[in-house]
Protein backbone atom coordinates (compact mmCIF):
# COMPACT_ATOMS: atom_id res chain seq x y z
CA UNK A 1 -15.38 -10.95 -27.82
CA UNK A 2 -12.31 -10.72 -29.27
CA UNK A 3 -11.27 -7.31 -29.81
CA UNK A 4 -8.11 -7.34 -32.67
CA UNK A 5 -5.76 -4.31 -31.83
CA UNK A 6 -4.75 -2.71 -35.02
CA UNK A 7 -1.51 -3.74 -36.24
CA UNK A 8 -0.39 -6.23 -33.62
CA UNK A 9 -0.76 -9.67 -33.30
CA UNK A 10 -0.30 -12.10 -30.41
CA UNK A 11 3.37 -11.57 -31.02
CA UNK A 12 5.28 -10.45 -28.00
CA UNK A 13 3.17 -10.47 -25.47
CA UNK A 14 0.96 -8.43 -26.25
CA UNK A 15 -3.01 -8.52 -25.60
CA UNK A 16 -5.18 -9.52 -28.38
CA UNK A 17 -8.21 -9.67 -26.25
CA UNK A 18 -10.41 -7.31 -23.86
CA UNK A 19 -10.41 -9.70 -21.08
CA UNK A 20 -6.48 -10.28 -21.88
CA UNK A 21 -6.12 -6.74 -21.76
CA UNK A 22 -8.14 -6.22 -18.29
CA UNK A 23 -5.87 -8.97 -16.94
CA UNK A 24 -2.73 -6.84 -17.71
CA UNK A 25 -4.15 -3.85 -16.28
CA UNK A 26 -4.94 -5.67 -13.26
CA UNK A 27 -1.59 -6.96 -12.98
CA UNK A 28 0.01 -3.80 -13.81
CA UNK A 29 -2.07 -1.77 -10.78
CA UNK A 30 -1.26 -4.85 -8.56
CA UNK A 31 2.06 -4.33 -9.20
CA UNK A 32 1.80 -0.82 -8.59
CA UNK A 33 0.34 -0.92 -5.24
CA UNK A 34 2.92 -3.50 -3.96
CA UNK A 35 5.51 -1.16 -5.14
CA UNK A 36 3.70 1.64 -2.90
CA UNK A 37 3.56 -0.75 -0.01
CA UNK A 38 7.32 -1.82 -0.43
CA UNK A 39 8.22 2.07 -0.13
CA UNK A 40 6.21 3.09 2.74
CA UNK A 41 7.17 -0.28 4.33
CA UNK A 42 10.76 1.47 3.73
CA UNK A 43 10.20 4.91 5.29
CA UNK A 44 8.96 3.01 8.43
CA UNK A 45 12.20 1.96 8.33
CA UNK A 46 14.04 5.13 8.68
CA UNK A 47 11.42 6.42 11.00
CA UNK A 48 13.88 6.85 13.59
CA UNK A 49 15.70 8.85 11.53
CA UNK A 50 13.04 11.75 11.06
CA UNK A 51 10.80 11.86 14.59
CA UNK A 52 8.98 14.80 13.78
CA UNK A 53 7.03 13.30 10.83
CA UNK A 54 5.87 10.29 11.89
CA UNK A 55 2.31 11.13 12.81
CA UNK A 56 2.11 12.94 9.15
CA UNK A 57 4.09 9.90 7.60
CA UNK A 58 1.52 7.22 9.45
CA UNK A 59 -1.83 8.89 8.98
CA UNK A 60 -1.27 9.53 4.61
CA UNK A 61 0.20 5.97 4.24
CA UNK A 62 -2.87 4.84 6.07
CA UNK A 63 -5.23 6.80 3.95
CA UNK A 64 -3.29 5.91 0.97
CA UNK A 65 -3.72 1.91 1.94
CA UNK A 66 -7.23 2.56 3.12
CA UNK A 67 -8.06 4.22 -0.25
CA UNK A 68 -6.60 0.90 -2.06
CA UNK A 69 -8.48 -1.12 0.30
CA UNK A 70 -11.73 0.22 -0.75
CA UNK A 71 -11.25 -0.17 -4.40
CA UNK A 72 -10.04 -4.05 -3.44
CA UNK A 73 -13.10 -4.91 -1.83
CA UNK A 74 -15.39 -3.59 -4.55
CA UNK A 75 -13.98 -6.26 -7.09
CA UNK A 76 -14.57 -9.44 -7.21
CA UNK A 77 -11.33 -10.66 -8.55
CA UNK A 78 -9.40 -13.43 -6.45
CA UNK A 79 -6.14 -12.33 -6.72
CA UNK A 80 -7.08 -8.84 -5.27
CA UNK A 81 -8.32 -10.53 -2.77
CA UNK A 82 -5.35 -12.59 -1.63
CA UNK A 83 -3.64 -9.30 -1.91
CA UNK A 84 -5.56 -7.37 0.58
CA UNK A 85 -5.76 -10.42 2.93
CA UNK A 86 -2.28 -10.98 2.63
CA UNK A 87 -0.97 -7.68 2.37
CA UNK A 88 -3.10 -4.55 2.87
CA UNK A 89 -4.67 -5.49 6.27
CA UNK A 90 -1.38 -6.10 7.66
CA UNK A 91 0.20 -3.18 6.47
CA UNK A 92 -2.64 -1.63 8.00
CA UNK A 93 -2.26 -3.15 11.18
CA UNK A 94 1.39 -2.44 11.31
CA UNK A 95 0.46 0.85 10.70
CA UNK A 96 -1.94 1.38 13.94
CA UNK A 97 0.81 -0.84 15.78
CA UNK A 98 3.55 1.58 14.73
CA UNK A 99 1.29 4.60 15.94
CA UNK A 100 0.84 3.44 19.26
CA UNK A 101 4.65 2.12 19.70
CA UNK A 102 5.89 5.85 18.57
CA UNK A 103 2.93 7.38 20.54
CA UNK A 104 4.30 5.67 24.09
CA UNK A 105 7.59 7.05 22.54
CA UNK A 106 6.47 10.80 22.20
CA UNK A 107 4.98 10.40 25.58
CA UNK A 108 8.13 9.05 27.55
CA UNK A 109 9.55 11.74 26.32
CA UNK A 110 7.55 14.62 27.42
CA UNK A 111 7.19 12.87 30.56
CA UNK A 112 10.99 13.03 31.06
CA UNK A 113 11.50 16.59 30.00
CA UNK A 114 8.68 17.42 32.35
CA UNK A 115 10.70 16.30 35.53
CA UNK A 116 14.09 17.35 34.27
CA UNK A 117 13.14 20.84 34.70
């Protein structure tokens, strides 16, 4: 079924059919999610500067990315599945890794503080 948009033809890169509109919307959503992931990695790069909020940040980021993952899993779109396996799942693993690292750092800091009394 072809849906023509009023006053717009196929010029200017505007979608003219329902599938074209869905593809464009899907690409825009995917790009938005990629930007979110990039911003989350940027936050991780600055953990050392603000150690007080690391666990809050990790919790919030992993919750958001888990939400994105659950939306992606429900779709039968190959591009979204590739996004999940190549970007979302590795990010969640990195969140787990960062949690373990910073938990150990905190434990060592607490131990040093306790032993210095």
